[in-house]
């Protein structure tokens, strides 16, 4: 009897790539300054010095944060001589969002169960509305 070889096709490599990418993206997003840099980039391109301007840290420290974002694939850095321009790359954020969205079905199931329990509780114990005291009723026209 011949045993079938385990299937270790391109899918496993793709999963490892996705896992590595997700690790880099979530690490990059874990820092509030890096998230602020991404927010500033939006759809604009900035020089590193322009990105660093609003932050109360050195240009070198901002450059290190940008490198983390570049390694995560979230920022594209183009150099012309000593000038470095940065732009946002949204693809890895989309990949992370898709990964997170895989777990939304579990949350939805929890919300559905909660809604069912609340409906059942409401049917068993209807809520009686109390009349408001202290305010005279005003006839409406």
N, C-alpha and C. Protein backbone atom coordinates (compact mmCIF):
# COMPACT_ATOMS: atom_id res chain seq x y z
N UNK A 1 0.84 -1.17 0.00
CA UNK A 1 0.00 0.00 0.00
C UNK A 1 0.89 1.24 0.00
N UNK A 2 0.60 2.13 -0.90
CA UNK A 2 1.40 3.33 -1.04
C UNK A 2 0.70 4.48 -0.33
N UNK A 3 1.43 5.14 0.55
CA UNK A 3 0.86 6.29 1.25
C UNK A 3 0.99 7.53 0.38
N UNK A 4 -0.04 8.32 0.41
CA UNK A 4 0.00 9.57 -0.35
C UNK A 4 0.90 10.55 0.36
N UNK A 5 1.66 11.28 -0.41
CA UNK A 5 2.54 12.30 0.16
C UNK A 5 1.69 13.45 0.67
N UNK A 6 2.10 14.04 1.79
CA UNK A 6 1.34 15.18 2.29
C UNK A 6 1.33 16.31 1.26
N UNK A 7 0.22 16.94 1.15
CA UNK A 7 0.08 18.03 0.20
C UNK A 7 0.66 19.30 0.82
N UNK A 8 1.82 19.67 0.35
CA UNK A 8 2.47 20.89 0.81
C UNK A 8 2.69 21.73 -0.44
N UNK A 9 1.60 22.17 -0.98
CA UNK A 9 1.65 22.91 -2.24
C UNK A 9 1.88 24.38 -1.99
N UNK A 10 1.62 25.14 -3.01
CA UNK A 10 1.80 26.59 -2.94
C UNK A 10 0.93 27.21 -1.86
N UNK A 11 -0.19 26.54 -1.51
CA UNK A 11 -1.09 27.09 -0.50
C UNK A 11 -0.38 27.31 0.84
N UNK A 12 0.45 26.32 1.25
CA UNK A 12 1.15 26.47 2.52
C UNK A 12 2.14 27.63 2.47
N UNK A 13 2.83 27.77 1.32
CA UNK A 13 3.75 28.90 1.17
C UNK A 13 2.98 30.22 1.23
N UNK A 14 1.80 30.24 0.58
CA UNK A 14 0.99 31.46 0.59
C UNK A 14 0.52 31.76 2.00
N UNK A 15 0.14 30.73 2.77
CA UNK A 15 -0.30 30.96 4.14
C UNK A 15 0.83 31.50 4.98
N UNK A 16 2.06 30.95 4.81
CA UNK A 16 3.21 31.45 5.56
C UNK A 16 3.51 32.89 5.17
N UNK A 17 3.40 33.18 3.85
CA UNK A 17 3.62 34.56 3.42
C UNK A 17 2.60 35.47 4.06
N UNK A 18 1.32 35.07 4.04
CA UNK A 18 0.28 35.89 4.65
C UNK A 18 0.54 36.08 6.13
N UNK A 19 0.97 35.01 6.81
CA UNK A 19 1.25 35.11 8.25
C UNK A 19 2.40 36.08 8.49
N UNK A 20 3.45 35.99 7.69
CA UNK A 20 4.58 36.92 7.85
C UNK A 20 4.15 38.35 7.57
N UNK A 21 3.37 38.53 6.51
CA UNK A 21 2.87 39.86 6.18
C UNK A 21 2.00 40.41 7.30
N UNK A 22 1.08 39.57 7.80
CA UNK A 22 0.21 40.01 8.89
C UNK A 22 1.01 40.38 10.13
N UNK A 23 2.03 39.59 10.44
CA UNK A 23 2.88 39.91 11.59
C UNK A 23 3.51 41.29 11.43
N UNK A 24 4.05 41.56 10.24
CA UNK A 24 4.69 42.86 10.01
C UNK A 24 3.67 44.00 10.05
N UNK A 25 2.50 43.77 9.45
CA UNK A 25 1.48 44.82 9.41
C UNK A 25 0.97 45.13 10.81
N UNK A 26 0.62 44.08 11.58
CA UNK A 26 0.11 44.33 12.93
C UNK A 26 1.18 44.93 13.83
N UNK A 27 2.44 44.52 13.65
CA UNK A 27 3.51 45.14 14.43
C UNK A 27 3.62 46.63 14.08
N UNK A 28 3.58 46.93 12.78
CA UNK A 28 3.68 48.33 12.35
C UNK A 28 2.51 49.15 12.89
N UNK A 29 1.32 48.58 12.87
CA UNK A 29 0.13 49.30 13.33
C UNK A 29 0.03 49.39 14.85
N UNK A 30 0.87 48.65 15.55
CA UNK A 30 0.78 48.63 17.01
C UNK A 30 1.30 49.91 17.66
N UNK A 31 1.98 50.74 16.90
CA UNK A 31 2.55 51.96 17.46
C UNK A 31 1.72 53.17 17.05
N UNK A 32 1.31 54.00 18.02
CA UNK A 32 0.47 55.16 17.68
C UNK A 32 1.15 56.17 16.75
N UNK A 33 2.46 56.33 16.86
CA UNK A 33 3.14 57.28 15.98
C UNK A 33 3.12 56.77 14.54
N UNK A 34 3.31 55.47 14.35
CA UNK A 34 3.26 54.93 12.99
C UNK A 34 1.86 55.04 12.41
N UNK A 35 0.84 54.84 13.25
CA UNK A 35 -0.54 55.03 12.76
C UNK A 35 -0.76 56.49 12.38
N UNK A 36 -0.20 57.41 13.14
CA UNK A 36 -0.34 58.83 12.82
C UNK A 36 0.36 59.16 11.50
N UNK A 37 1.50 58.53 11.27
CA UNK A 37 2.20 58.74 10.00
C UNK A 37 1.33 58.27 8.84
N UNK A 38 0.72 57.10 9.00
CA UNK A 38 -0.15 56.57 7.94
C UNK A 38 -1.34 57.50 7.70
N UNK A 39 -1.91 58.04 8.78
CA UNK A 39 -3.04 58.97 8.64
C UNK A 39 -2.61 60.21 7.88
N UNK A 40 -1.42 60.71 8.16
CA UNK A 40 -0.93 61.90 7.46
C UNK A 40 -0.71 61.62 5.99
N UNK A 41 -0.26 60.43 5.67
CA UNK A 41 0.02 60.12 4.27
C UNK A 41 -1.26 60.13 3.44
N UNK A 42 -2.30 59.48 3.95
CA UNK A 42 -3.56 59.45 3.21
C UNK A 42 -3.31 59.22 1.74
N UNK A 43 -3.71 60.16 0.92
CA UNK A 43 -3.49 60.03 -0.52
C UNK A 43 -2.41 60.99 -1.02
N UNK A 44 -1.67 61.58 -0.10
CA UNK A 44 -0.61 62.51 -0.48
C UNK A 44 0.76 61.85 -0.36
N UNK A 45 1.72 62.45 -1.01
CA UNK A 45 3.12 62.04 -0.90
C UNK A 45 3.84 63.12 -0.10
N UNK A 46 4.64 62.70 0.86
CA UNK A 46 5.37 63.65 1.71
C UNK A 46 6.85 63.33 1.71
N UNK A 47 7.64 64.38 1.88
CA UNK A 47 9.05 64.18 2.19
C UNK A 47 9.14 63.69 3.62
N UNK A 48 10.19 62.97 3.95
CA UNK A 48 10.36 62.47 5.32
C UNK A 48 10.35 63.64 6.29
N UNK A 49 11.02 64.73 5.94
CA UNK A 49 11.06 65.90 6.84
C UNK A 49 9.66 66.47 7.04
N UNK A 50 8.81 66.46 6.01
CA UNK A 50 7.44 66.94 6.15
C UNK A 50 6.62 66.02 7.06
N UNK A 51 6.85 64.71 6.93
CA UNK A 51 6.15 63.77 7.81
C UNK A 51 6.58 63.95 9.25
N UNK A 52 7.84 64.27 9.47
CA UNK A 52 8.38 64.38 10.83
C UNK A 52 7.98 65.68 11.52
N UNK A 53 7.62 66.70 10.75
CA UNK A 53 7.38 68.04 11.30
C UNK A 53 6.46 68.09 12.52
N UNK A 54 5.28 67.45 12.51
CA UNK A 54 4.39 67.62 13.66
C UNK A 54 4.76 66.79 14.89
N UNK A 55 5.73 65.91 14.76
CA UNK A 55 6.06 65.02 15.87
C UNK A 55 7.21 65.58 16.69
N UNK A 56 7.13 65.37 17.99
CA UNK A 56 8.13 65.91 18.91
C UNK A 56 9.25 64.90 19.15
N UNK A 57 9.73 64.32 18.04
CA UNK A 57 10.88 63.40 18.12
C UNK A 57 11.82 63.74 16.97
N UNK A 58 13.00 63.18 17.00
CA UNK A 58 14.01 63.52 16.01
C UNK A 58 13.63 62.98 14.63
N UNK A 59 14.23 63.58 13.62
CA UNK A 59 14.04 63.12 12.25
C UNK A 59 14.52 61.68 12.10
N UNK A 60 15.60 61.35 12.77
CA UNK A 60 16.13 59.99 12.73
C UNK A 60 15.13 58.98 13.31
N UNK A 61 14.46 59.35 14.40
CA UNK A 61 13.47 58.46 15.02
C UNK A 61 12.27 58.27 14.08
N UNK A 62 11.83 59.34 13.44
CA UNK A 62 10.72 59.22 12.48
C UNK A 62 11.15 58.33 11.32
N UNK A 63 12.40 58.48 10.87
CA UNK A 63 12.91 57.65 9.78
C UNK A 63 12.88 56.17 10.15
N UNK A 64 13.21 55.85 11.39
CA UNK A 64 13.15 54.45 11.83
C UNK A 64 11.72 53.94 11.80
N UNK A 65 10.77 54.77 12.24
CA UNK A 65 9.36 54.37 12.19
C UNK A 65 8.92 54.15 10.74
N UNK A 66 9.37 55.02 9.85
CA UNK A 66 9.02 54.88 8.44
C UNK A 66 9.57 53.57 7.89
N UNK A 67 10.77 53.20 8.30
CA UNK A 67 11.36 51.94 7.82
C UNK A 67 10.54 50.73 8.26
N UNK A 68 9.98 50.78 9.46
CA UNK A 68 9.09 49.70 9.92
C UNK A 68 7.88 49.62 9.00
N UNK A 69 7.33 50.79 8.65
CA UNK A 69 6.17 50.83 7.76
C UNK A 69 6.54 50.34 6.35
N UNK A 70 7.74 50.65 5.90
CA UNK A 70 8.21 50.19 4.58
C UNK A 70 8.34 48.67 4.59
N UNK A 71 8.96 48.10 5.65
CA UNK A 71 9.13 46.64 5.74
C UNK A 71 7.78 45.92 5.79
N UNK A 72 6.78 46.58 6.35
CA UNK A 72 5.43 46.00 6.42
C UNK A 72 4.70 46.16 5.09
N UNK A 73 5.28 46.92 4.17
CA UNK A 73 4.65 47.14 2.88
C UNK A 73 3.58 48.22 2.90
N UNK A 74 3.50 48.97 4.01
CA UNK A 74 2.46 50.00 4.15
C UNK A 74 2.87 51.35 3.57
N UNK A 75 4.17 51.54 3.38
CA UNK A 75 4.68 52.80 2.85
C UNK A 75 5.68 52.48 1.75
N UNK A 76 5.59 53.25 0.67
CA UNK A 76 6.57 53.17 -0.42
C UNK A 76 7.46 54.39 -0.28
N UNK A 77 8.75 54.15 -0.29
CA UNK A 77 9.71 55.23 -0.15
C UNK A 77 10.51 55.32 -1.44
N UNK A 78 10.48 56.47 -2.08
CA UNK A 78 11.22 56.69 -3.32
C UNK A 78 12.30 57.72 -3.06
N UNK A 79 13.51 57.38 -3.44
CA UNK A 79 14.64 58.28 -3.19
C UNK A 79 15.13 58.89 -4.50
N UNK A 80 15.40 60.17 -4.41
CA UNK A 80 16.05 60.90 -5.50
C UNK A 80 17.22 61.62 -4.85
N UNK A 81 18.39 61.05 -4.99
CA UNK A 81 19.55 61.61 -4.30
C UNK A 81 19.34 61.48 -2.79
N UNK A 82 19.38 62.61 -2.11
CA UNK A 82 19.19 62.60 -0.65
C UNK A 82 17.75 62.86 -0.25
N UNK A 83 16.89 63.11 -1.25
CA UNK A 83 15.49 63.39 -0.96
C UNK A 83 14.69 62.10 -1.01
N UNK A 84 13.89 61.89 0.03
CA UNK A 84 13.09 60.68 0.15
C UNK A 84 11.62 61.06 0.26
N UNK A 85 10.82 60.56 -0.66
CA UNK A 85 9.38 60.80 -0.65
C UNK A 85 8.67 59.52 -0.22
N UNK A 86 7.62 59.68 0.59
CA UNK A 86 6.87 58.54 1.11
C UNK A 86 5.42 58.62 0.64
N UNK A 87 4.86 57.46 0.34
CA UNK A 87 3.44 57.38 -0.02
C UNK A 87 2.84 56.14 0.62
N UNK A 88 1.54 56.19 0.83
CA UNK A 88 0.80 55.10 1.46
C UNK A 88 0.57 53.98 0.46
N UNK A 89 0.68 52.74 0.94
CA UNK A 89 0.32 51.56 0.17
C UNK A 89 -0.75 50.85 1.00
N UNK A 90 -1.98 50.85 0.52
CA UNK A 90 -3.10 50.35 1.32
C UNK A 90 -3.30 48.84 1.23
N UNK A 91 -2.68 48.17 0.29
CA UNK A 91 -2.88 46.73 0.09
C UNK A 91 -2.71 45.89 1.35
N UNK A 92 -1.62 46.05 2.09
CA UNK A 92 -1.44 45.25 3.30
C UNK A 92 -2.51 45.51 4.37
N UNK A 93 -3.03 46.73 4.42
CA UNK A 93 -4.11 47.03 5.37
C UNK A 93 -5.36 46.24 4.97
N UNK A 94 -5.60 46.17 3.66
CA UNK A 94 -6.73 45.39 3.15
C UNK A 94 -6.56 43.91 3.52
N UNK A 95 -5.34 43.39 3.37
CA UNK A 95 -5.06 42.00 3.73
C UNK A 95 -5.37 41.76 5.20
N UNK A 96 -4.95 42.69 6.07
CA UNK A 96 -5.23 42.57 7.51
C UNK A 96 -6.73 42.64 7.78
N UNK A 97 -7.42 43.53 7.07
CA UNK A 97 -8.87 43.66 7.25
C UNK A 97 -9.60 42.39 6.84
N UNK A 98 -9.15 41.77 5.75
CA UNK A 98 -9.75 40.50 5.31
C UNK A 98 -9.53 39.43 6.37
N UNK A 99 -8.33 39.39 6.92
CA UNK A 99 -8.03 38.39 7.96
C UNK A 99 -8.93 38.60 9.18
N UNK A 100 -9.06 39.85 9.62
CA UNK A 100 -9.91 40.16 10.78
C UNK A 100 -11.36 39.82 10.46
N UNK A 101 -11.79 40.11 9.24
CA UNK A 101 -13.18 39.88 8.85
C UNK A 101 -13.55 38.40 8.89
N UNK A 102 -12.57 37.51 8.76
CA UNK A 102 -12.86 36.07 8.86
C UNK A 102 -13.48 35.73 10.21
N UNK A 103 -13.20 36.51 11.21
CA UNK A 103 -13.70 36.24 12.55
C UNK A 103 -15.00 36.96 12.85
N UNK A 104 -15.48 37.76 11.93
CA UNK A 104 -16.73 38.50 12.16
C UNK A 104 -17.92 37.57 12.29
N UNK A 105 -17.86 36.39 11.65
CA UNK A 105 -18.98 35.46 11.76
C UNK A 105 -19.18 35.00 13.20
N UNK A 106 -18.09 34.89 13.96
CA UNK A 106 -18.21 34.50 15.36
C UNK A 106 -18.90 35.59 16.16
N UNK A 107 -18.55 36.83 15.89
CA UNK A 107 -19.20 37.94 16.58
C UNK A 107 -20.67 38.01 16.19
N UNK A 108 -20.95 37.81 14.90
CA UNK A 108 -22.33 37.87 14.44
C UNK A 108 -23.16 36.78 15.12
N UNK A 109 -22.59 35.58 15.27
CA UNK A 109 -23.30 34.51 15.98
C UNK A 109 -23.61 34.92 17.41
N UNK A 110 -22.67 35.59 18.07
CA UNK A 110 -22.89 36.04 19.44
C UNK A 110 -24.01 37.08 19.50
N UNK A 111 -24.02 38.00 18.54
CA UNK A 111 -25.07 39.00 18.49
C UNK A 111 -26.42 38.36 18.21
N UNK A 112 -26.46 37.37 17.32
CA UNK A 112 -27.71 36.67 17.02
C UNK A 112 -28.24 35.95 18.25
N UNK A 113 -27.34 35.29 19.01
CA UNK A 113 -27.77 34.61 20.23
C UNK A 113 -28.27 35.61 21.27
N UNK A 114 -27.60 36.73 21.41
CA UNK A 114 -28.03 37.77 22.34
C UNK A 114 -29.41 38.28 21.96
N UNK A 115 -29.63 38.53 20.68
CA UNK A 115 -30.94 39.01 20.21
C UNK A 115 -32.02 37.99 20.52
N UNK A 116 -31.72 36.70 20.34
CA UNK A 116 -32.71 35.66 20.63
C UNK A 116 -33.04 35.61 22.12
N UNK A 117 -32.02 35.72 22.96
CA UNK A 117 -32.25 35.71 24.41
C UNK A 117 -33.06 36.92 24.83
N UNK A 118 -32.74 38.08 24.29
CA UNK A 118 -33.49 39.29 24.64
C UNK A 118 -34.94 39.19 24.18
N UNK A 119 -35.17 38.65 23.00
CA UNK A 119 -36.53 38.48 22.50
C UNK A 119 -37.31 37.52 23.40
N UNK A 120 -36.68 36.42 23.77
CA UNK A 120 -37.33 35.44 24.65
C UNK A 120 -37.63 36.05 26.02
N UNK A 121 -36.69 36.80 26.56
CA UNK A 121 -36.89 37.45 27.86
C UNK A 121 -38.03 38.46 27.78
N UNK A 122 -38.08 39.21 26.71
CA UNK A 122 -39.14 40.20 26.51
C UNK A 122 -40.51 39.52 26.45
N UNK A 123 -40.57 38.38 25.79
CA UNK A 123 -41.84 37.66 25.67
C UNK A 123 -42.27 37.08 27.02
N UNK A 124 -41.32 36.61 27.81
CA UNK A 124 -41.64 36.03 29.11
C UNK A 124 -41.97 37.08 30.15
N UNK A 125 -41.32 38.21 30.07
CA UNK A 125 -41.48 39.29 31.04
C UNK A 125 -41.66 40.61 30.31
N UNK A 126 -42.86 40.87 29.83
CA UNK A 126 -43.05 42.13 29.09
C UNK A 126 -42.75 43.33 29.99
N UNK A 127 -42.19 44.33 29.39
CA UNK A 127 -41.84 45.55 30.11
C UNK A 127 -43.08 46.43 30.18
N UNK A 128 -43.42 46.83 31.40
CA UNK A 128 -44.55 47.73 31.59
C UNK A 128 -44.03 49.15 31.56
N UNK A 129 -44.68 49.95 30.80
CA UNK A 129 -44.27 51.35 30.71
C UNK A 129 -44.91 52.11 31.86
N UNK A 130 -44.10 52.92 32.52
CA UNK A 130 -44.59 53.73 33.62
C UNK A 130 -45.03 55.09 33.09
N UNK A 131 -46.06 55.63 33.74
CA UNK A 131 -46.48 56.98 33.39
C UNK A 131 -45.52 57.95 34.05
N UNK A 132 -45.24 59.01 33.33
CA UNK A 132 -44.35 60.03 33.89
C UNK A 132 -45.12 60.86 34.91
N UNK A 133 -44.46 61.13 36.00
CA UNK A 133 -45.08 61.96 37.02
C UNK A 133 -44.42 63.32 37.03
N UNK A 134 -45.20 64.29 37.48
CA UNK A 134 -44.62 65.62 37.64
C UNK A 134 -44.82 66.54 36.47
N UNK A 135 -45.17 66.01 35.33
CA UNK A 135 -45.41 66.86 34.17
C UNK A 135 -46.86 66.73 33.77
N UNK A 136 -47.55 67.83 33.72
CA UNK A 136 -48.93 67.74 33.25
C UNK A 136 -48.94 67.45 31.76
N UNK A 137 -49.88 66.64 31.34
CA UNK A 137 -49.96 66.35 29.91
C UNK A 137 -50.51 67.56 29.18
N UNK A 138 -49.93 67.84 28.07
CA UNK A 138 -50.31 68.99 27.27
C UNK A 138 -51.07 68.47 26.05
N UNK A 139 -52.30 68.96 25.86
CA UNK A 139 -53.01 68.49 24.68
C UNK A 139 -52.32 68.97 23.41
N UNK A 140 -52.28 68.09 22.42
CA UNK A 140 -51.65 68.43 21.14
C UNK A 140 -52.72 68.88 20.17
N UNK A 141 -52.36 69.80 19.32
CA UNK A 141 -53.31 70.29 18.31
C UNK A 141 -53.42 69.38 17.13
